């Protein structure tokens, strides 16, 4: 009779200690933050009259504003 290899029972925690559902929540929050930053950077671009060449400045300012609003800090 052939033997069936079955996966061993594992802890529901991932290597970093967060459950898969927690990891999904963190990933979703990160995507939402990036979307907020992207939208704010676009609004800054529009406020400047849609003049190109300052995209990095817009992104950094937007990132700073959004992270401050959410109480997060950059590393």
PDB file of N, CA and C in Angstrom:
ATOM      1  N   UNK A   1       0.843  -1.163   0.000  1.00  0.00           N
ATOM      2  CA  UNK A   1       0.000   0.000   0.000  1.00  0.00           C
ATOM      3  C   UNK A   1       0.897   1.238   0.000  1.00  0.00           C
ATOM      4  N   UNK A   2       0.543   2.244  -0.803  1.00  0.00           N
ATOM      5  CA  UNK A   2       1.333   3.468  -0.900  1.00  0.00           C
ATOM      6  C   UNK A   2       1.086   4.358   0.313  1.00  0.00           C
ATOM      7  N   UNK A   3       2.120   5.074   0.683  1.00  0.00           N
ATOM      8  CA  UNK A   3       1.989   6.001   1.806  1.00  0.00           C
ATOM      9  C   UNK A   3       1.694   7.400   1.280  1.00  0.00           C
ATOM     10  N   UNK A   4       0.833   8.095   1.968  1.00  0.00           N
ATOM     11  CA  UNK A   4       0.472   9.459   1.564  1.00  0.00           C
ATOM     12  C   UNK A   4       1.223  10.434   2.458  1.00  0.00           C
ATOM     13  N   UNK A   5       1.947  11.328   1.834  1.00  0.00           N
ATOM     14  CA  UNK A   5       2.634  12.359   2.614  1.00  0.00           C
ATOM     15  C   UNK A   5       1.648  13.475   2.923  1.00  0.00           C
ATOM     16  N   UNK A   6       1.427  13.678   4.179  1.00  0.00           N
ATOM     17  CA  UNK A   6       0.510  14.742   4.599  1.00  0.00           C
ATOM     18  C   UNK A   6       1.321  15.841   5.278  1.00  0.00           C
ATOM     19  N   UNK A   7       0.905  17.063   5.066  1.00  0.00           N
ATOM     20  CA  UNK A   7       1.636  18.149   5.733  1.00  0.00           C
ATOM     21  C   UNK A   7       1.481  18.045   7.240  1.00  0.00           C
ATOM     22  N   UNK A   8       2.531  18.389   7.918  1.00  0.00           N
ATOM     23  CA  UNK A   8       2.473  18.378   9.370  1.00  0.00           C
ATOM     24  C   UNK A   8       1.611  19.531   9.853  1.00  0.00           C
ATOM     25  N   UNK A   9       0.974  19.330  10.974  1.00  0.00           N
ATOM     26  CA  UNK A   9       0.185  20.407  11.569  1.00  0.00           C
ATOM     27  C   UNK A   9       1.147  21.503  11.989  1.00  0.00           C
ATOM     28  N   UNK A  10       0.822  22.721  11.625  1.00  0.00           N
ATOM     29  CA  UNK A  10       1.681  23.839  11.971  1.00  0.00           C
ATOM     30  C   UNK A  10       0.891  24.868  12.740  1.00  0.00           C
ATOM     31  N   UNK A  11       1.613  25.710  13.388  1.00  0.00           N
ATOM     32  CA  UNK A  11       1.004  26.817  14.093  1.00  0.00           C
ATOM     33  C   UNK A  11       0.426  27.767  13.050  1.00  0.00           C
ATOM     34  N   UNK A  12      -0.700  28.407  13.349  1.00  0.00           N
ATOM     35  CA  UNK A  12      -1.328  29.309  12.388  1.00  0.00           C
ATOM     36  C   UNK A  12      -0.590  30.631  12.286  1.00  0.00           C
ATOM     37  N   UNK A  13       0.463  30.784  13.048  1.00  0.00           N
ATOM     38  CA  UNK A  13       1.249  32.012  12.999  1.00  0.00           C
ATOM     39  C   UNK A  13       2.277  31.922  11.881  1.00  0.00           C
ATOM     40  N   UNK A  14       2.561  33.056  11.253  1.00  0.00           N
ATOM     41  CA  UNK A  14       3.589  33.087  10.223  1.00  0.00           C
ATOM     42  C   UNK A  14       4.947  33.236  10.891  1.00  0.00           C
ATOM     43  N   UNK A  15       5.976  33.251  10.079  1.00  0.00           N
ATOM     44  CA  UNK A  15       7.339  33.328  10.607  1.00  0.00           C
ATOM     45  C   UNK A  15       7.556  34.582  11.450  1.00  0.00           C
ATOM     46  N   UNK A  16       6.895  35.664  11.129  1.00  0.00           N
ATOM     47  CA  UNK A  16       7.086  36.902  11.878  1.00  0.00           C
ATOM     48  C   UNK A  16       6.171  36.989  13.083  1.00  0.00           C
ATOM     49  N   UNK A  17       5.343  35.988  13.310  1.00  0.00           N
ATOM     50  CA  UNK A  17       4.514  35.969  14.500  1.00  0.00           C
ATOM     51  C   UNK A  17       3.097  36.477  14.310  1.00  0.00           C
ATOM     52  N   UNK A  18       2.726  36.867  13.130  1.00  0.00           N
ATOM     53  CA  UNK A  18       1.375  37.361  12.892  1.00  0.00           C
ATOM     54  C   UNK A  18       0.566  36.296  12.175  1.00  0.00           C
ATOM     55  N   UNK A  19      -0.682  36.174  12.568  1.00  0.00           N
ATOM     56  CA  UNK A  19      -1.570  35.224  11.911  1.00  0.00           C
ATOM     57  C   UNK A  19      -1.828  35.697  10.482  1.00  0.00           C
ATOM     58  N   UNK A  20      -2.155  34.774   9.580  1.00  0.00           N
ATOM     59  CA  UNK A  20      -2.409  35.169   8.188  1.00  0.00           C
ATOM     60  C   UNK A  20      -3.451  36.279   8.056  1.00  0.00           C
ATOM     61  N   UNK A  21      -4.503  36.243   8.855  1.00  0.00           N
ATOM     62  CA  UNK A  21      -5.516  37.293   8.763  1.00  0.00           C
ATOM     63  C   UNK A  21      -4.951  38.641   9.201  1.00  0.00           C
ATOM     64  N   UNK A  22      -4.042  38.626  10.175  1.00  0.00           N
ATOM     65  CA  UNK A  22      -3.395  39.861  10.604  1.00  0.00           C
ATOM     66  C   UNK A  22      -2.491  40.401   9.506  1.00  0.00           C
ATOM     67  N   UNK A  23      -1.794  39.494   8.828  1.00  0.00           N
ATOM     68  CA  UNK A  23      -0.917  39.903   7.732  1.00  0.00           C
ATOM     69  C   UNK A  23      -1.729  40.527   6.596  1.00  0.00           C
ATOM     70  N   UNK A  24      -2.888  39.966   6.311  1.00  0.00           N
ATOM     71  CA  UNK A  24      -3.755  40.522   5.271  1.00  0.00           C
ATOM     72  C   UNK A  24      -4.225  41.912   5.664  1.00  0.00           C
ATOM     73  N   UNK A  25      -4.549  42.086   6.923  1.00  0.00           N
ATOM     74  CA  UNK A  25      -5.000  43.394   7.408  1.00  0.00           C
ATOM     75  C   UNK A  25      -3.882  44.428   7.274  1.00  0.00           C
ATOM     76  N   UNK A  26      -2.653  44.032   7.640  1.00  0.00           N
ATOM     77  CA  UNK A  26      -1.511  44.934   7.539  1.00  0.00           C
ATOM     78  C   UNK A  26      -1.248  45.293   6.081  1.00  0.00           C
ATOM     79  N   UNK A  27      -1.320  44.311   5.192  1.00  0.00           N
ATOM     80  CA  UNK A  27      -1.099  44.569   3.762  1.00  0.00           C
ATOM     81  C   UNK A  27      -2.157  45.503   3.210  1.00  0.00           C
ATOM     82  N   UNK A  28      -3.396  45.328   3.629  1.00  0.00           N
ATOM     83  CA  UNK A  28      -4.485  46.197   3.175  1.00  0.00           C
ATOM     84  C   UNK A  28      -4.274  47.616   3.662  1.00  0.00           C
ATOM     85  N   UNK A  29      -3.864  47.768   4.912  1.00  0.00           N
ATOM     86  CA  UNK A  29      -3.605  49.099   5.450  1.00  0.00           C
ATOM     87  C   UNK A  29      -2.470  49.778   4.695  1.00  0.00           C
ATOM     88  N   UNK A  30      -1.439  49.026   4.362  1.00  0.00           N
ATOM     89  CA  UNK A  30      -0.308  49.582   3.622  1.00  0.00           C
ATOM     90  C   UNK A  30      -0.744  50.034   2.236  1.00  0.00           C
ATOM     91  N   UNK A  31      -1.587  49.236   1.584  1.00  0.00           N
ATOM     92  CA  UNK A  31      -2.084  49.616   0.259  1.00  0.00           C
ATOM     93  C   UNK A  31      -2.945  50.869   0.371  1.00  0.00           C
ATOM     94  N   UNK A  32      -3.773  50.954   1.417  1.00  0.00           N
ATOM     95  CA  UNK A  32      -4.614  52.134   1.602  1.00  0.00           C
ATOM     96  C   UNK A  32      -3.760  53.372   1.835  1.00  0.00           C
ATOM     97  N   UNK A  33      -2.688  53.254   2.607  1.00  0.00           N
ATOM     98  CA  UNK A  33      -1.786  54.375   2.837  1.00  0.00           C
ATOM     99  C   UNK A  33      -1.144  54.825   1.530  1.00  0.00           C
ATOM    100  N   UNK A  34      -0.688  53.859   0.747  1.00  0.00           N
ATOM    101  CA  UNK A  34      -0.057  54.212  -0.525  1.00  0.00           C
ATOM    102  C   UNK A  34      -1.059  54.892  -1.456  1.00  0.00           C
ATOM    103  N   UNK A  35      -2.287  54.426  -1.462  1.00  0.00           N
ATOM    104  CA  UNK A  35      -3.320  55.069  -2.275  1.00  0.00           C
ATOM    105  C   UNK A  35      -3.566  56.498  -1.809  1.00  0.00           C
ATOM    106  N   UNK A  36      -3.628  56.707  -0.499  1.00  0.00           N
ATOM    107  CA  UNK A  36      -3.823  58.048   0.058  1.00  0.00           C
ATOM    108  C   UNK A  36      -2.672  58.969  -0.343  1.00  0.00           C
ATOM    109  N   UNK A  37      -1.451  58.455  -0.276  1.00  0.00           N
ATOM    110  CA  UNK A  37      -0.278  59.246  -0.652  1.00  0.00           C
ATOM    111  C   UNK A  37      -0.333  59.591  -2.133  1.00  0.00           C
ATOM    112  N   UNK A  38      -0.666  58.609  -2.943  1.00  0.00           N
ATOM    113  CA  UNK A  38      -0.748  58.823  -4.392  1.00  0.00           C
ATOM    114  C   UNK A  38      -1.777  59.900  -4.735  1.00  0.00           C
ATOM    115  N   UNK A  39      -2.937  59.837  -4.101  1.00  0.00           N
ATOM    116  CA  UNK A  39      -4.007  60.814  -4.363  1.00  0.00           C
ATOM    117  C   UNK A  39      -3.574  62.208  -3.911  1.00  0.00           C
ATOM    118  N   UNK A  40      -2.957  62.288  -2.733  1.00  0.00           N
ATOM    119  CA  UNK A  40      -2.519  63.595  -2.228  1.00  0.00           C
ATOM    120  C   UNK A  40      -1.433  64.169  -3.122  1.00  0.00           C
ATOM    121  N   UNK A  41      -0.508  63.346  -3.585  1.00  0.00           N
ATOM    122  CA  UNK A  41       0.552  63.825  -4.483  1.00  0.00           C
ATOM    123  C   UNK A  41      -0.051  64.368  -5.779  1.00  0.00           C
ATOM    124  N   UNK A  42      -1.067  63.694  -6.279  1.00  0.00           N
ATOM    125  CA  UNK A  42      -1.732  64.185  -7.492  1.00  0.00           C
ATOM    126  C   UNK A  42      -2.397  65.533  -7.227  1.00  0.00           C
ATOM    127  N   UNK A  43      -3.041  65.678  -6.074  1.00  0.00           N
ATOM    128  CA  UNK A  43      -3.688  66.960  -5.746  1.00  0.00           C
ATOM    129  C   UNK A  43      -2.655  68.086  -5.643  1.00  0.00           C
ATOM    130  N   UNK A  44      -1.498  67.780  -5.096  1.00  0.00           N
ATOM    131  CA  UNK A  44      -0.438  68.785  -5.038  1.00  0.00           C
ATOM    132  C   UNK A  44       0.018  69.173  -6.444  1.00  0.00           C
ATOM    133  N   UNK A  45       0.146  68.194  -7.315  1.00  0.00           N
ATOM    134  CA  UNK A  45       0.507  68.431  -8.716  1.00  0.00           C
ATOM    135  C   UNK A  45      -0.516  69.356  -9.385  1.00  0.00           C
ATOM    136  N   UNK A  46      -1.778  69.089  -9.157  1.00  0.00           N
ATOM    137  CA  UNK A  46      -2.843  69.910  -9.747  1.00  0.00           C
ATOM    138  C   UNK A  46      -2.810  71.321  -9.165  1.00  0.00           C
ATOM    139  N   UNK A  47      -2.596  71.430  -7.858  1.00  0.00           N
ATOM    140  CA  UNK A  47      -2.542  72.746  -7.217  1.00  0.00           C
ATOM    141  C   UNK A  47      -1.415  73.602  -7.781  1.00  0.00           C
ATOM    142  N   UNK A  48      -0.342  72.948  -8.230  1.00  0.00           N
ATOM    143  CA  UNK A  48       0.776  73.675  -8.832  1.00  0.00           C
ATOM    144  C   UNK A  48       0.537  73.975 -10.305  1.00  0.00           C
ATOM    145  N   UNK A  49      -0.652  73.725 -10.797  1.00  0.00           N
ATOM    146  CA  UNK A  49      -0.970  74.012 -12.189  1.00  0.00           C
ATOM    147  C   UNK A  49      -0.558  72.918 -13.144  1.00  0.00           C
ATOM    148  N   UNK A  50      -0.424  71.699 -12.668  1.00  0.00           N
ATOM    149  CA  UNK A  50      -0.060  70.530 -13.487  1.00  0.00           C
ATOM    150  C   UNK A  50       1.282  70.711 -14.200  1.00  0.00           C
ATOM    151  N   UNK A  51       2.190  71.409 -13.545  1.00  0.00           N
ATOM    152  CA  UNK A  51       3.520  71.599 -14.120  1.00  0.00           C
ATOM    153  C   UNK A  51       4.400  70.425 -13.712  1.00  0.00           C
ATOM    154  N   UNK A  52       5.007  69.792 -14.709  1.00  0.00           N
ATOM    155  CA  UNK A  52       5.834  68.612 -14.480  1.00  0.00           C
ATOM    156  C   UNK A  52       7.211  68.981 -13.936  1.00  0.00           C
ATOM    157  N   UNK A  53       7.891  67.980 -13.375  1.00  0.00           N
ATOM    158  CA  UNK A  53       9.264  68.162 -12.935  1.00  0.00           C
ATOM    159  C   UNK A  53       9.437  68.195 -11.433  1.00  0.00           C
ATOM    160  N   UNK A  54       8.356  68.159 -10.671  1.00  0.00           N
ATOM    161  CA  UNK A  54       8.489  68.196  -9.217  1.00  0.00           C
ATOM    162  C   UNK A  54       7.738  67.025  -8.586  1.00  0.00           C
ATOM    163  N   UNK A  55       7.706  65.911  -9.287  1.00  0.00           N
ATOM    164  CA  UNK A  55       6.950  64.753  -8.815  1.00  0.00           C
ATOM    165  C   UNK A  55       7.500  64.184  -7.514  1.00  0.00           C
ATOM    166  N   UNK A  56       8.807  64.130  -7.373  1.00  0.00           N
ATOM    167  CA  UNK A  56       9.393  63.602  -6.146  1.00  0.00           C
ATOM    168  C   UNK A  56       9.059  64.512  -4.959  1.00  0.00           C
ATOM    169  N   UNK A  57       9.148  65.800  -5.175  1.00  0.00           N
ATOM    170  CA  UNK A  57       8.789  66.760  -4.122  1.00  0.00           C
ATOM    171  C   UNK A  57       7.325  66.582  -3.713  1.00  0.00           C
ATOM    172  N   UNK A  58       6.448  66.427  -4.693  1.00  0.00           N
ATOM    173  CA  UNK A  58       5.024  66.209  -4.401  1.00  0.00           C
ATOM    174  C   UNK A  58       4.823  64.920  -3.608  1.00  0.00           C
ATOM    175  N   UNK A  59       5.518  63.861  -4.018  1.00  0.00           N
ATOM    176  CA  UNK A  59       5.361  62.564  -3.347  1.00  0.00           C
ATOM    177  C   UNK A  59       5.835  62.637  -1.895  1.00  0.00           C
ATOM    178  N   UNK A  60       7.003  63.238  -1.673  1.00  0.00           N
ATOM    179  CA  UNK A  60       7.551  63.317  -0.324  1.00  0.00           C
ATOM    180  C   UNK A  60       6.641  64.160   0.574  1.00  0.00           C
ATOM    181  N   UNK A  61       6.153  65.267   0.044  1.00  0.00           N
ATOM    182  CA  UNK A  61       5.245  66.109   0.830  1.00  0.00           C
ATOM    183  C   UNK A  61       3.951  65.364   1.137  1.00  0.00           C
ATOM    184  N   UNK A  62       3.403  64.693   0.141  1.00  0.00           N
ATOM    185  CA  UNK A  62       2.167  63.927   0.333  1.00  0.00           C
ATOM    186  C   UNK A  62       2.379  62.823   1.353  1.00  0.00           C
ATOM    187  N   UNK A  63       3.496  62.118   1.247  1.00  0.00           N
ATOM    188  CA  UNK A  63       3.803  61.043   2.180  1.00  0.00           C
ATOM    189  C   UNK A  63       3.882  61.578   3.608  1.00  0.00           C
ATOM    190  N   UNK A  64       4.551  62.702   3.773  1.00  0.00           N
ATOM    191  CA  UNK A  64       4.688  63.307   5.093  1.00  0.00           C
ATOM    192  C   UNK A  64       3.323  63.696   5.663  1.00  0.00           C
ATOM    193  N   UNK A  65       2.486  64.317   4.842  1.00  0.00           N
ATOM    194  CA  UNK A  65       1.163  64.747   5.289  1.00  0.00           C
ATOM    195  C   UNK A  65       0.274  63.560   5.662  1.00  0.00           C
ATOM    196  N   UNK A  66       0.268  62.547   4.812  1.00  0.00           N
ATOM    197  CA  UNK A  66      -0.601  61.383   5.055  1.00  0.00           C
ATOM    198  C   UNK A  66      -0.130  60.615   6.281  1.00  0.00           C
ATOM    199  N   UNK A  67       1.165  60.380   6.392  1.00  0.00           N
ATOM    200  CA  UNK A  67       1.669  59.648   7.556  1.00  0.00           C
ATOM    201  C   UNK A  67       1.442  60.415   8.842  1.00  0.00           C
ATOM    202  N   UNK A  68       1.551  61.731   8.794  1.00  0.00           N
ATOM    203  CA  UNK A  68       1.275  62.537   9.986  1.00  0.00           C
ATOM    204  C   UNK A  68      -0.200  62.436  10.371  1.00  0.00           C
ATOM    205  N   UNK A  69      -1.054  62.419   9.374  1.00  0.00           N
ATOM    206  CA  UNK A  69      -2.493  62.319   9.634  1.00  0.00           C
ATOM    207  C   UNK A  69      -2.845  60.971  10.260  1.00  0.00           C
ATOM    208  N   UNK A  70      -2.150  59.923   9.846  1.00  0.00           N
ATOM    209  CA  UNK A  70      -2.423  58.596  10.375  1.00  0.00           C
ATOM    210  C   UNK A  70      -1.591  58.289  11.616  1.00  0.00           C
ATOM    211  N   UNK A  71      -0.755  59.229  12.022  1.00  0.00           N
ATOM    212  CA  UNK A  71       0.055  59.036  13.217  1.00  0.00           C
ATOM    213  C   UNK A  71       1.217  58.103  13.021  1.00  0.00           C
ATOM    214  N   UNK A  72       1.617  57.872  11.782  1.00  0.00           N
ATOM    215  CA  UNK A  72       2.742  56.988  11.492  1.00  0.00           C
ATOM    216  C   UNK A  72       3.986  57.839  11.269  1.00  0.00           C
ATOM    217  N   UNK A  73       5.135  57.231  11.421  1.00  0.00           N
ATOM    218  CA  UNK A  73       6.406  57.925  11.219  1.00  0.00           C
ATOM    219  C   UNK A  73       7.253  57.153  10.237  1.00  0.00           C
ATOM    220  N   UNK A  74       8.036  57.865   9.456  1.00  0.00           N
ATOM    221  CA  UNK A  74       8.948  57.185   8.542  1.00  0.00           C
ATOM    222  C   UNK A  74      10.185  56.756   9.306  1.00  0.00           C
ATOM    223  N   UNK A  75      10.853  55.754   8.781  1.00  0.00           N
ATOM    224  CA  UNK A  75      12.051  55.219   9.463  1.00  0.00           C
ATOM    225  C   UNK A  75      13.249  56.105   9.249  1.00  0.00           C
TER     226      UNK A  75
END
